[in-house]
Amino acid sequence: MLQVPYIRNHKEEVITKLAVKNFDAKDIISEIIALDEQRRKTQAELDDTLSESNKLSKEIGMLYKSGNIDEANAKKTETADLKEKSQELSQVLSSTENELKEKLVQIPNIPHESVPVGNSEEDNEVVSEEGEIRNLGNTSKPHWEL
C-alpha cells in the first residue's frame, strides 16, 4: 500500500505511473490528499484542546491550594467543555482515518520504471525464460484445484 506522505510529495508521479496500469488515479489521489489535510487539521485541533485541558487542570490544582475554590470550580466547567470537545474531535479523527484507509486500499502499488505501457497481457514483454514449458494436456487441473 502506498503511504500518504509519498502520495502527497509525489502526486503527479503516482498518477503517471498508475496510468501505466490503466488506473485513472486523479480523483482518488485528490480525495486522499484532502482527507489527509482534514486528518492533520483535526489532529492539530485535538492536540491543542488536550494541551489546553492539561494546562487548566494544573491551574485548578494551584487554585485549590491557594484557596480560590470559586475560580477553580469555574475552571472545572471549562475543563469539562474541553473534554467534550476532545471526544468529538477524536470521533471525527477516527472516522477520517478510517475513510482515508478505505481510499488507500483502493490504489494499486506503482509499477517499476521498466514495466511497459499496455492494455492487456499481450503487451507484456518476456524478460527471460528458464527451462522447458511442458504441455500438460486437457486433463490437467489448475493449481487452485490441486
C-alpha atoms as a PDB file:
ATOM      1  CA  MET A   1       0.000   0.000   0.000  1.00  0.00           C
ATOM      2  CA  LEU A   2       1.259   3.448  -0.852  1.00  0.00           C
ATOM      3  CA  GLN A   3       1.949   5.754   2.070  1.00  0.00           C
ATOM      4  CA  VAL A   4       0.181   9.118   2.373  1.00  0.00           C
ATOM      5  CA  PRO A   5       3.382  11.208   2.670  1.00  0.00           C
ATOM      6  CA  TYR A   6       4.713   9.637  -0.539  1.00  0.00           C
ATOM      7  CA  ILE A   7       1.440  10.333  -2.336  1.00  0.00           C
ATOM      8  CA  ARG A   8       1.391  13.914  -1.034  1.00  0.00           C
ATOM      9  CA  ASN A   9       5.004  14.606  -2.064  1.00  0.00           C
ATOM     10  CA  HIS A  10       4.902  12.785  -5.436  1.00  0.00           C
ATOM     11  CA  LYS A  11       1.316  13.303  -6.574  1.00  0.00           C
ATOM     12  CA  GLU A  12       1.980  13.679 -10.313  1.00  0.00           C
ATOM     13  CA  GLU A  13       4.482  10.811 -10.369  1.00  0.00           C
ATOM     14  CA  VAL A  14       1.979   8.458  -8.710  1.00  0.00           C
ATOM     15  CA  ILE A  15      -0.774   9.438 -11.156  1.00  0.00           C
ATOM     16  CA  THR A  16       1.549   8.970 -14.148  1.00  0.00           C
ATOM     17  CA  LYS A  17       2.899   5.602 -13.015  1.00  0.00           C
ATOM     18  CA  LEU A  18      -0.552   4.266 -12.213  1.00  0.00           C
ATOM     19  CA  ALA A  19      -1.639   5.228 -15.717  1.00  0.00           C
ATOM     20  CA  VAL A  20       0.793   2.536 -16.915  1.00  0.00           C
ATOM     21  CA  LYS A  21      -1.523   0.036 -15.184  1.00  0.00           C
ATOM     22  CA  ASN A  22      -4.536   1.687 -16.840  1.00  0.00           C
ATOM     23  CA  PHE A  23      -5.658   3.032 -13.471  1.00  0.00           C
ATOM     24  CA  ASP A  24      -7.056   6.565 -13.501  1.00  0.00           C
ATOM     25  CA  ALA A  25      -5.895   7.872 -10.130  1.00  0.00           C
ATOM     26  CA  LYS A  26      -6.527  11.620 -10.422  1.00  0.00           C
ATOM     27  CA  ASP A  27      -9.773  11.704  -8.452  1.00  0.00           C
ATOM     28  CA  ILE A  28      -8.862   9.228  -5.731  1.00  0.00           C
ATOM     29  CA  ILE A  29      -5.444  10.831  -5.177  1.00  0.00           C
ATOM     30  CA  SER A  30      -7.124  14.228  -4.771  1.00  0.00           C
ATOM     31  CA  GLU A  31      -9.575  12.704  -2.291  1.00  0.00           C
ATOM     32  CA  ILE A  32      -6.740  11.098  -0.330  1.00  0.00           C
ATOM     33  CA  ILE A  33      -4.823  14.366  -0.115  1.00  0.00           C
ATOM     34  CA  ALA A  34      -7.974  16.227   1.009  1.00  0.00           C
ATOM     35  CA  LEU A  35      -8.714  13.579   3.646  1.00  0.00           C
ATOM     36  CA  ASP A  36      -5.122  13.727   4.854  1.00  0.00           C
ATOM     37  CA  GLU A  37      -5.312  17.512   5.195  1.00  0.00           C
ATOM     38  CA  GLN A  38      -8.561  17.167   7.130  1.00  0.00           C
ATOM     39  CA  ARG A  39      -6.987  14.482   9.340  1.00  0.00           C
ATOM     40  CA  ARG A  40      -3.949  16.630  10.050  1.00  0.00           C
ATOM     41  CA  LYS A  41      -6.086  19.690  10.828  1.00  0.00           C
ATOM     42  CA  THR A  42      -8.322  17.669  13.172  1.00  0.00           C
ATOM     43  CA  GLN A  43      -5.277  16.111  14.866  1.00  0.00           C
ATOM     44  CA  ALA A  44      -3.738  19.550  15.439  1.00  0.00           C
ATOM     45  CA  GLU A  45      -7.005  20.879  16.871  1.00  0.00           C
ATOM     46  CA  LEU A  46      -7.311  17.834  19.136  1.00  0.00           C
ATOM     47  CA  ASP A  47      -3.725  18.260  20.350  1.00  0.00           C
ATOM     48  CA  ASP A  48      -4.374  21.935  21.127  1.00  0.00           C
ATOM     49  CA  THR A  49      -7.564  21.073  23.001  1.00  0.00           C
ATOM     50  CA  LEU A  50      -5.836  18.393  25.078  1.00  0.00           C
ATOM     51  CA  SER A  51      -2.952  20.726  25.821  1.00  0.00           C
ATOM     52  CA  GLU A  52      -5.304  23.462  26.977  1.00  0.00           C
ATOM     53  CA  SER A  53      -7.204  20.945  29.114  1.00  0.00           C
ATOM     54  CA  ASN A  54      -3.965  19.834  30.796  1.00  0.00           C
ATOM     55  CA  LYS A  55      -2.973  23.442  31.411  1.00  0.00           C
ATOM     56  CA  LEU A  56      -6.358  24.180  33.012  1.00  0.00           C
ATOM     57  CA  SER A  57      -6.101  21.070  35.177  1.00  0.00           C
ATOM     58  CA  LYS A  58      -2.781  22.292  36.564  1.00  0.00           C
ATOM     59  CA  GLU A  59      -4.274  25.744  37.202  1.00  0.00           C
ATOM     60  CA  ILE A  60      -7.209  24.157  39.047  1.00  0.00           C
ATOM     61  CA  GLY A  61      -4.811  22.366  41.368  1.00  0.00           C
ATOM     62  CA  MET A  62      -2.943  25.600  42.056  1.00  0.00           C
ATOM     63  CA  LEU A  63      -6.226  27.460  42.695  1.00  0.00           C
ATOM     64  CA  TYR A  64      -7.387  24.823  45.187  1.00  0.00           C
ATOM     65  CA  LYS A  65      -4.053  25.034  47.001  1.00  0.00           C
ATOM     66  CA  SER A  66      -4.304  28.833  47.202  1.00  0.00           C
ATOM     67  CA  GLY A  67      -7.936  28.694  48.408  1.00  0.00           C
ATOM     68  CA  ASN A  68      -9.671  30.138  45.327  1.00  0.00           C
ATOM     69  CA  ILE A  69     -12.389  27.491  45.229  1.00  0.00           C
ATOM     70  CA  ASP A  70     -14.924  29.542  43.216  1.00  0.00           C
ATOM     71  CA  GLU A  71     -12.414  30.271  40.478  1.00  0.00           C
ATOM     72  CA  ALA A  72     -11.286  26.625  40.495  1.00  0.00           C
ATOM     73  CA  ASN A  73     -14.886  25.445  40.037  1.00  0.00           C
ATOM     74  CA  ALA A  74     -15.294  27.828  37.080  1.00  0.00           C
ATOM     75  CA  LYS A  75     -12.166  26.357  35.519  1.00  0.00           C
ATOM     76  CA  LYS A  76     -13.558  22.857  36.101  1.00  0.00           C
ATOM     77  CA  THR A  77     -16.532  23.777  33.921  1.00  0.00           C
ATOM     78  CA  GLU A  78     -14.151  24.907  31.179  1.00  0.00           C
ATOM     79  CA  THR A  79     -12.250  21.621  31.501  1.00  0.00           C
ATOM     80  CA  ALA A  80     -15.475  19.634  31.133  1.00  0.00           C
ATOM     81  CA  ASP A  81     -16.299  21.553  27.937  1.00  0.00           C
ATOM     82  CA  LEU A  82     -12.803  20.887  26.599  1.00  0.00           C
ATOM     83  CA  LYS A  83     -13.091  17.171  27.359  1.00  0.00           C
ATOM     84  CA  GLU A  84     -16.392  17.008  25.479  1.00  0.00           C
ATOM     85  CA  LYS A  85     -14.831  18.844  22.540  1.00  0.00           C
ATOM     86  CA  SER A  86     -11.825  16.489  22.569  1.00  0.00           C
ATOM     87  CA  GLN A  87     -14.129  13.445  22.477  1.00  0.00           C
ATOM     88  CA  GLU A  88     -15.962  14.878  19.454  1.00  0.00           C
ATOM     89  CA  LEU A  89     -12.656  15.614  17.732  1.00  0.00           C
ATOM     90  CA  SER A  90     -11.434  12.090  18.485  1.00  0.00           C
ATOM     91  CA  GLN A  91     -14.517  10.641  16.818  1.00  0.00           C
ATOM     92  CA  VAL A  92     -14.075  12.891  13.770  1.00  0.00           C
ATOM     93  CA  LEU A  93     -10.399  11.947  13.607  1.00  0.00           C
ATOM     94  CA  SER A  94     -11.182   8.245  13.830  1.00  0.00           C
ATOM     95  CA  SER A  95     -13.799   8.361  11.066  1.00  0.00           C
ATOM     96  CA  THR A  96     -11.486  10.425   8.848  1.00  0.00           C
ATOM     97  CA  GLU A  97      -8.636   7.947   9.355  1.00  0.00           C
ATOM     98  CA  ASN A  98     -10.951   5.030   8.516  1.00  0.00           C
ATOM     99  CA  GLU A  99     -12.162   6.748   5.347  1.00  0.00           C
ATOM    100  CA  LEU A 100      -8.562   7.509   4.398  1.00  0.00           C
ATOM    101  CA  LYS A 101      -7.569   3.851   4.859  1.00  0.00           C
ATOM    102  CA  GLU A 102     -10.520   2.739   2.725  1.00  0.00           C
ATOM    103  CA  LYS A 103      -9.327   5.009  -0.085  1.00  0.00           C
ATOM    104  CA  LEU A 104      -5.701   3.894   0.246  1.00  0.00           C
ATOM    105  CA  VAL A 105      -6.501   0.215  -0.190  1.00  0.00           C
ATOM    106  CA  GLN A 106      -8.223   1.001  -3.487  1.00  0.00           C
ATOM    107  CA  ILE A 107      -4.967   2.195  -5.046  1.00  0.00           C
ATOM    108  CA  PRO A 108      -2.598  -0.392  -6.522  1.00  0.00           C
ATOM    109  CA  ASN A 109       1.150  -0.167  -5.985  1.00  0.00           C
ATOM    110  CA  ILE A 110       3.022   1.779  -8.622  1.00  0.00           C
ATOM    111  CA  PRO A 111       4.856  -0.321 -11.193  1.00  0.00           C
ATOM    112  CA  HIS A 112       8.611  -0.309 -11.720  1.00  0.00           C
ATOM    113  CA  GLU A 113      10.032   2.038 -14.377  1.00  0.00           C
ATOM    114  CA  SER A 114      10.824  -0.945 -16.604  1.00  0.00           C
ATOM    115  CA  VAL A 115       7.170  -2.016 -16.890  1.00  0.00           C
ATOM    116  CA  PRO A 116       5.901  -1.257 -20.402  1.00  0.00           C
ATOM    117  CA  VAL A 117       2.640   0.542 -21.011  1.00  0.00           C
ATOM    118  CA  GLY A 118      -0.012  -1.860 -22.207  1.00  0.00           C
ATOM    119  CA  ASN A 119      -3.674  -2.691 -22.207  1.00  0.00           C
ATOM    120  CA  SER A 120      -3.512  -6.469 -21.933  1.00  0.00           C
ATOM    121  CA  GLU A 121      -1.280  -9.459 -21.201  1.00  0.00           C
ATOM    122  CA  GLU A 122      -0.096  -9.484 -24.806  1.00  0.00           C
ATOM    123  CA  ASP A 123       1.621  -6.103 -24.295  1.00  0.00           C
ATOM    124  CA  ASN A 124       3.945  -7.556 -21.648  1.00  0.00           C
ATOM    125  CA  GLU A 125       7.491  -8.302 -22.697  1.00  0.00           C
ATOM    126  CA  VAL A 126       9.251 -11.530 -21.772  1.00  0.00           C
ATOM    127  CA  VAL A 127      12.497 -10.738 -19.992  1.00  0.00           C
ATOM    128  CA  SER A 128      13.742 -14.301 -19.571  1.00  0.00           C
ATOM    129  CA  GLU A 129      12.579 -17.917 -19.642  1.00  0.00           C
ATOM    130  CA  GLU A 130      14.055 -20.873 -17.807  1.00  0.00           C
ATOM    131  CA  GLY A 131      13.678 -24.488 -18.771  1.00  0.00           C
ATOM    132  CA  GLU A 132      11.149 -26.188 -20.945  1.00  0.00           C
ATOM    133  CA  ILE A 133       7.421 -25.450 -20.703  1.00  0.00           C
ATOM    134  CA  ARG A 134       5.587 -28.767 -20.549  1.00  0.00           C
ATOM    135  CA  ASN A 135       2.240 -29.368 -22.170  1.00  0.00           C
ATOM    136  CA  LEU A 136       0.027 -30.949 -19.519  1.00  0.00           C
ATOM    137  CA  GLY A 137      -2.875 -31.658 -21.844  1.00  0.00           C
ATOM    138  CA  ASN A 138      -6.569 -31.038 -21.406  1.00  0.00           C
ATOM    139  CA  THR A 139      -6.961 -33.244 -18.315  1.00  0.00           C
ATOM    140  CA  SER A 140      -4.646 -31.219 -16.109  1.00  0.00           C
ATOM    141  CA  LYS A 141      -6.090 -29.306 -13.163  1.00  0.00           C
ATOM    142  CA  PRO A 142      -5.236 -25.715 -12.304  1.00  0.00           C
ATOM    143  CA  HIS A 143      -3.182 -25.199  -9.148  1.00  0.00           C
ATOM    144  CA  TRP A 144      -6.142 -23.977  -7.098  1.00  0.00           C
ATOM    145  CA  GLU A 145      -7.953 -27.309  -7.619  1.00  0.00           C
ATOM    146  CA  LEU A 146      -4.977 -29.464  -6.629  1.00  0.00           C
END
